[in-house]
Amino acid sequence: SFHQTMPPQAFLYGIPIKFYKRYGIRRYGFHGTSHRFVAAEAARRLACPLNSLKLITCHLGNGCSMTAVDRGRSIDTTMGFTPLEGLLMGTRSGDLDPAIPLYLLEKEKISLKCINNILNKESGLLGISGISNDMRDLIKNLKLKTRNSKRARLAIEMFIYRIEKYIGAYLAAMSGLDAVVFTAGIGENHPWLVKRIAGDLKNVVPKGTNFLVIPTDEELLIAQDTYEIIKSIRRKNAAS
C-alpha cells in the first residue's frame, strides 16, 4: 500500500488505457514495507521530520527495487506490474525492451512459460556472470581472478549502472535529494558498493546528500501496523 501514493503519470504504462480499466494493468511496486521502514528510520537518524525530506531508498537483495520518497510519500518506484521491472537483480532481468520476449519466441521456438523462466530465474547477475546470483560469489570470483572474472565484473558494473541511473531519474523527479538509503542483503553488507556509488555521484547529487546504510525490519513494521489496527478496532468497539 505504500506505493499507492504514486501519481498516474508514474503508475500508468504507455499502452491503451482500456487495459488499465479492464485488467488493472499498472505499476504497483513491491518491497513497500521495507521502503517505508527505512525512510522513517532515515528521518530519525537525520533528526528531521519525514515530511520535510526527499529520499531515495534502495532495497538491494536477490530482488531489488528503489523508491523516490518525497516528504514521506512514494512518488515512483522501480518495480512495476510485477517484480520483474526495474533494476538488474539476482536472477531477474529488470528493465527490458518489450519486443525482446517476442523476438526470442520466434528465434528460439520456445514457450511463453520458458520465456518467463528465463527472465525471472536465469537472467540478472546470474545470466550476465554465468557464475551466481549472489554478489558475494561475484566478488570472490574477482579476487581470485578466474577465467570468468570479466563477466563477473560486467555483471557488477551493470548492477551499479542501473542504480545510479535511477538515482539520477529520481533526483530529477523530486527536484532535490537529502539522502540515499541502502538496505537488504546487498545494501547492508557491501559497504564498498555504497562508497562507489557515492563517489560516482558526488558531482551529480546536491552538496550534503547523505548516503546511509539502514537494516530493514519489515516484520517489526507489520507488527506495529497490526497493533495500531487492533487498537483502533478496540476504541471503536468501546465507543459503540
Protein backbone atom coordinates (compact mmCIF):
# COMPACT_ATOMS: atom_id res chain seq x y z
CA SER A 1 0.00 0.00 0.00
CA PHE A 2 3.00 2.35 0.42
CA HIS A 3 3.21 2.81 -3.36
CA GLN A 4 -0.49 3.71 -3.74
CA THR A 5 0.51 7.38 -3.47
CA MET A 6 2.21 7.29 -6.88
CA PRO A 7 0.60 9.75 -9.32
CA PRO A 8 -0.95 8.49 -12.59
CA GLN A 9 1.98 9.74 -14.68
CA ALA A 10 4.21 7.40 -12.66
CA PHE A 11 1.99 4.33 -12.32
CA LEU A 12 0.41 4.12 -15.79
CA TYR A 13 2.04 2.38 -18.76
CA GLY A 14 2.02 3.82 -22.27
CA ILE A 15 -0.47 1.25 -23.57
CA PRO A 16 -4.19 1.82 -24.32
CA ILE A 17 -5.77 2.94 -21.05
CA LYS A 18 -8.62 0.48 -21.59
CA PHE A 19 -6.29 -2.28 -20.37
CA TYR A 20 -5.76 -0.43 -17.10
CA LYS A 21 -9.51 -0.01 -16.69
CA ARG A 22 -10.29 -3.57 -17.75
CA TYR A 23 -7.49 -5.53 -16.09
CA GLY A 24 -5.81 -3.14 -13.67
CA ILE A 25 -2.55 -3.18 -15.63
CA ARG A 26 -0.44 -0.51 -13.97
CA ARG A 27 2.72 -0.16 -11.92
CA TYR A 28 2.14 -1.35 -8.35
CA GLY A 29 5.66 -1.66 -6.94
CA PHE A 30 6.93 -4.06 -4.28
CA HIS A 31 9.01 -4.03 -1.07
CA GLY A 32 6.74 -1.23 0.16
CA THR A 33 7.05 -2.17 3.82
CA SER A 34 10.85 -2.15 3.60
CA HIS A 35 10.97 1.21 1.82
CA ARG A 36 8.56 2.72 4.33
CA PHE A 37 10.54 1.39 7.31
CA VAL A 38 13.97 2.65 6.19
CA ALA A 39 12.55 6.02 5.11
CA ALA A 40 11.17 6.57 8.62
CA GLU A 41 14.43 5.36 10.17
CA ALA A 42 16.43 7.71 7.93
CA ALA A 43 14.35 10.64 9.14
CA ARG A 44 15.03 9.60 12.73
CA ARG A 45 18.78 9.37 12.12
CA LEU A 46 18.86 12.71 10.33
CA ALA A 47 16.77 14.27 13.11
CA CYS A 48 14.37 15.73 10.54
CA PRO A 49 10.63 15.24 10.04
CA LEU A 50 9.97 12.67 7.32
CA ASN A 51 7.54 15.07 5.67
CA SER A 52 10.38 17.51 5.06
CA LEU A 53 12.79 15.08 3.36
CA LYS A 54 13.45 13.89 -0.18
CA LEU A 55 14.83 10.35 -0.04
CA ILE A 56 15.78 7.57 -2.42
CA THR A 57 15.52 4.18 -0.75
CA CYS A 58 17.35 1.21 -2.28
CA HIS A 59 16.23 -2.30 -1.27
CA LEU A 60 19.05 -4.40 -2.70
CA GLY A 61 18.79 -8.14 -2.12
CA ASN A 62 18.23 -11.02 -4.54
CA GLY A 63 15.21 -8.94 -5.55
CA CYS A 64 15.98 -5.22 -5.89
CA SER A 65 13.90 -2.08 -6.02
CA MET A 66 14.30 1.65 -5.46
CA THR A 67 11.74 4.23 -4.41
CA ALA A 68 11.57 8.00 -4.60
CA VAL A 69 10.13 9.08 -1.23
CA ASP A 70 9.09 12.73 -1.41
CA ARG A 71 8.11 14.09 2.01
CA GLY A 72 7.10 10.65 3.24
CA ARG A 73 5.17 9.60 0.14
CA SER A 74 6.22 7.15 -2.55
CA ILE A 75 6.03 9.03 -5.84
CA ASP A 76 7.80 6.44 -8.00
CA THR A 77 9.40 3.02 -7.68
CA THR A 78 11.39 0.75 -9.98
CA MET A 79 9.28 -2.43 -9.85
CA GLY A 80 6.02 -2.29 -11.75
CA PHE A 81 3.10 -4.58 -12.59
CA THR A 82 5.36 -7.45 -11.49
CA PRO A 83 8.71 -7.59 -9.64
CA LEU A 84 10.47 -8.09 -13.00
CA GLU A 85 10.72 -4.41 -13.90
CA GLY A 86 13.49 -2.04 -12.86
CA LEU A 87 16.96 -2.86 -11.58
CA LEU A 88 19.20 -5.74 -12.59
CA MET A 89 18.63 -8.35 -9.87
CA GLY A 90 19.96 -11.72 -8.76
CA THR A 91 18.11 -13.71 -11.41
CA ARG A 92 15.69 -11.14 -12.91
CA SER A 93 16.49 -9.07 -15.98
CA GLY A 94 14.99 -5.79 -14.80
CA ASP A 95 14.09 -3.21 -17.47
CA LEU A 96 13.84 -4.77 -20.91
CA ASP A 97 12.65 -3.78 -24.38
CA PRO A 98 9.17 -5.39 -24.53
CA ALA A 99 9.88 -6.65 -28.05
CA ILE A 100 12.73 -8.91 -26.87
CA PRO A 101 10.48 -11.71 -25.47
CA LEU A 102 8.54 -11.73 -28.77
CA TYR A 103 11.80 -11.91 -30.71
CA LEU A 104 13.03 -14.81 -28.56
CA LEU A 105 9.74 -16.66 -29.04
CA GLU A 106 10.27 -16.51 -32.79
CA LYS A 107 14.00 -17.25 -32.86
CA GLU A 108 14.25 -19.90 -30.12
CA LYS A 109 10.88 -21.58 -30.79
CA ILE A 110 10.19 -21.75 -27.06
CA SER A 111 7.05 -21.32 -24.97
CA LEU A 112 5.87 -18.30 -23.01
CA LYS A 113 6.49 -20.31 -19.85
CA CYS A 114 10.11 -20.78 -20.89
CA ILE A 115 10.49 -17.05 -21.63
CA ASN A 116 9.06 -16.24 -18.21
CA ASN A 117 11.56 -18.63 -16.61
CA ILE A 118 14.48 -17.05 -18.50
CA LEU A 119 13.55 -13.50 -17.49
CA ASN A 120 12.79 -14.33 -13.85
CA LYS A 121 15.19 -17.15 -12.98
CA GLU A 122 18.07 -17.19 -15.47
CA SER A 123 18.85 -13.52 -16.02
CA GLY A 124 20.28 -10.67 -13.91
CA LEU A 125 23.60 -11.19 -12.13
CA LEU A 126 23.39 -14.93 -12.80
CA GLY A 127 22.69 -14.58 -16.51
CA ILE A 128 25.39 -11.99 -17.15
CA SER A 129 28.12 -13.51 -14.98
CA GLY A 130 27.38 -17.16 -15.69
CA ILE A 131 28.57 -17.77 -12.14
CA SER A 132 26.00 -16.94 -9.48
CA ASN A 133 23.11 -14.71 -8.48
CA ASP A 134 24.96 -13.95 -5.21
CA MET A 135 27.04 -10.76 -5.10
CA ARG A 136 29.41 -12.40 -2.61
CA ASP A 137 30.29 -15.09 -5.14
CA LEU A 138 30.97 -12.49 -7.82
CA ILE A 139 33.27 -10.50 -5.53
CA LYS A 140 35.11 -13.69 -4.56
CA ASN A 141 35.49 -14.53 -8.25
CA LEU A 142 37.05 -11.13 -8.95
CA LYS A 143 39.55 -11.54 -6.13
CA LEU A 144 40.58 -15.00 -7.33
CA LYS A 145 40.93 -13.69 -10.91
CA THR A 146 39.32 -16.72 -12.52
CA ARG A 147 38.53 -17.07 -16.22
CA ASN A 148 35.02 -15.77 -15.51
CA SER A 149 36.23 -12.61 -13.76
CA LYS A 150 35.45 -10.37 -16.75
CA ARG A 151 31.83 -11.49 -16.79
CA ALA A 152 31.59 -11.10 -13.02
CA ARG A 153 32.89 -7.54 -13.32
CA LEU A 154 30.45 -6.79 -16.14
CA ALA A 155 27.51 -8.04 -14.06
CA ILE A 156 28.58 -5.84 -11.13
CA GLU A 157 29.05 -2.79 -13.37
CA MET A 158 25.61 -3.29 -14.92
CA PHE A 159 24.11 -3.61 -11.45
CA ILE A 160 25.72 -0.35 -10.31
CA TYR A 161 24.88 1.48 -13.54
CA ARG A 162 21.15 0.78 -13.20
CA ILE A 163 21.15 2.00 -9.58
CA GLU A 164 22.98 5.21 -10.47
CA LYS A 165 20.69 5.83 -13.45
CA TYR A 166 17.60 5.60 -11.26
CA ILE A 167 19.14 7.85 -8.61
CA GLY A 168 19.56 10.49 -11.32
CA ALA A 169 15.99 9.99 -12.51
CA TYR A 170 14.51 10.24 -9.03
CA LEU A 171 16.63 13.28 -8.19
CA ALA A 172 15.01 14.96 -11.19
CA ALA A 173 11.51 13.70 -10.27
CA MET A 174 11.76 15.17 -6.76
CA SER A 175 13.75 18.30 -7.72
CA GLY A 176 16.13 17.62 -4.85
CA LEU A 177 17.62 14.98 -2.61
CA ASP A 178 18.54 14.76 1.07
CA ALA A 179 19.65 11.14 1.37
CA VAL A 180 20.10 7.85 -0.44
CA VAL A 181 19.35 4.87 1.80
CA PHE A 182 20.67 1.34 1.23
CA THR A 183 19.11 -1.74 2.80
CA ALA A 184 18.61 -5.55 2.45
CA GLY A 185 21.27 -8.22 1.82
CA ILE A 186 23.47 -6.41 -0.70
CA GLY A 187 22.67 -2.90 0.50
CA GLU A 188 23.51 -3.65 4.14
CA ASN A 189 26.54 -5.90 3.71
CA HIS A 190 28.63 -4.39 0.92
CA PRO A 191 29.99 -1.01 2.11
CA TRP A 192 32.22 -0.80 -0.98
CA LEU A 193 29.06 -0.54 -3.10
CA VAL A 194 27.73 2.45 -1.15
CA LYS A 195 31.17 4.12 -1.27
CA ARG A 196 31.44 3.51 -5.01
CA ILE A 197 28.00 4.95 -5.79
CA ALA A 198 28.53 7.95 -3.51
CA GLY A 199 31.85 8.62 -5.25
CA ASP A 200 30.42 8.25 -8.75
CA LEU A 201 27.60 10.69 -7.99
CA LYS A 202 29.46 13.27 -5.89
CA ASN A 203 29.14 15.88 -8.67
CA VAL A 204 25.56 14.92 -9.50
CA VAL A 205 23.66 14.91 -6.21
CA PRO A 206 23.20 18.10 -4.15
CA LYS A 207 26.02 19.00 -1.79
CA GLY A 208 25.43 17.48 1.63
CA THR A 209 23.43 14.49 0.37
CA ASN A 210 23.71 11.67 2.90
CA PHE A 211 24.41 8.06 1.92
CA LEU A 212 23.02 5.83 4.66
CA VAL A 213 23.00 2.10 5.35
CA ILE A 214 19.95 1.09 7.39
CA PRO A 215 18.96 -2.52 8.18
CA THR A 216 15.35 -3.13 7.23
CA ASP A 217 12.83 -4.67 9.62
CA GLU A 218 9.64 -5.39 7.73
CA GLU A 219 8.35 -7.74 10.44
CA LEU A 220 8.58 -5.01 13.08
CA LEU A 221 6.65 -2.54 10.94
CA ILE A 222 3.96 -5.13 10.15
CA ALA A 223 3.66 -5.89 13.88
CA GLN A 224 3.35 -2.17 14.68
CA ASP A 225 0.70 -1.68 11.99
CA THR A 226 -1.23 -4.71 13.26
CA TYR A 227 -1.10 -3.34 16.81
CA GLU A 228 -2.43 0.05 15.64
CA ILE A 229 -5.28 -1.62 13.73
CA ILE A 230 -6.28 -3.72 16.76
CA LYS A 231 -6.09 -0.66 18.99
CA SER A 232 -8.29 1.31 16.60
CA ILE A 233 -10.88 -1.51 16.44
CA ARG A 234 -10.98 -1.71 20.24
CA ARG A 235 -11.50 2.05 20.51
CA LYS A 236 -14.40 1.90 18.05
CA ASN A 237 -15.97 -1.03 19.89
CA ALA A 238 -15.63 0.78 23.22
CA ALA A 239 -17.22 3.92 21.77
CA SER A 240 -20.21 1.96 20.45
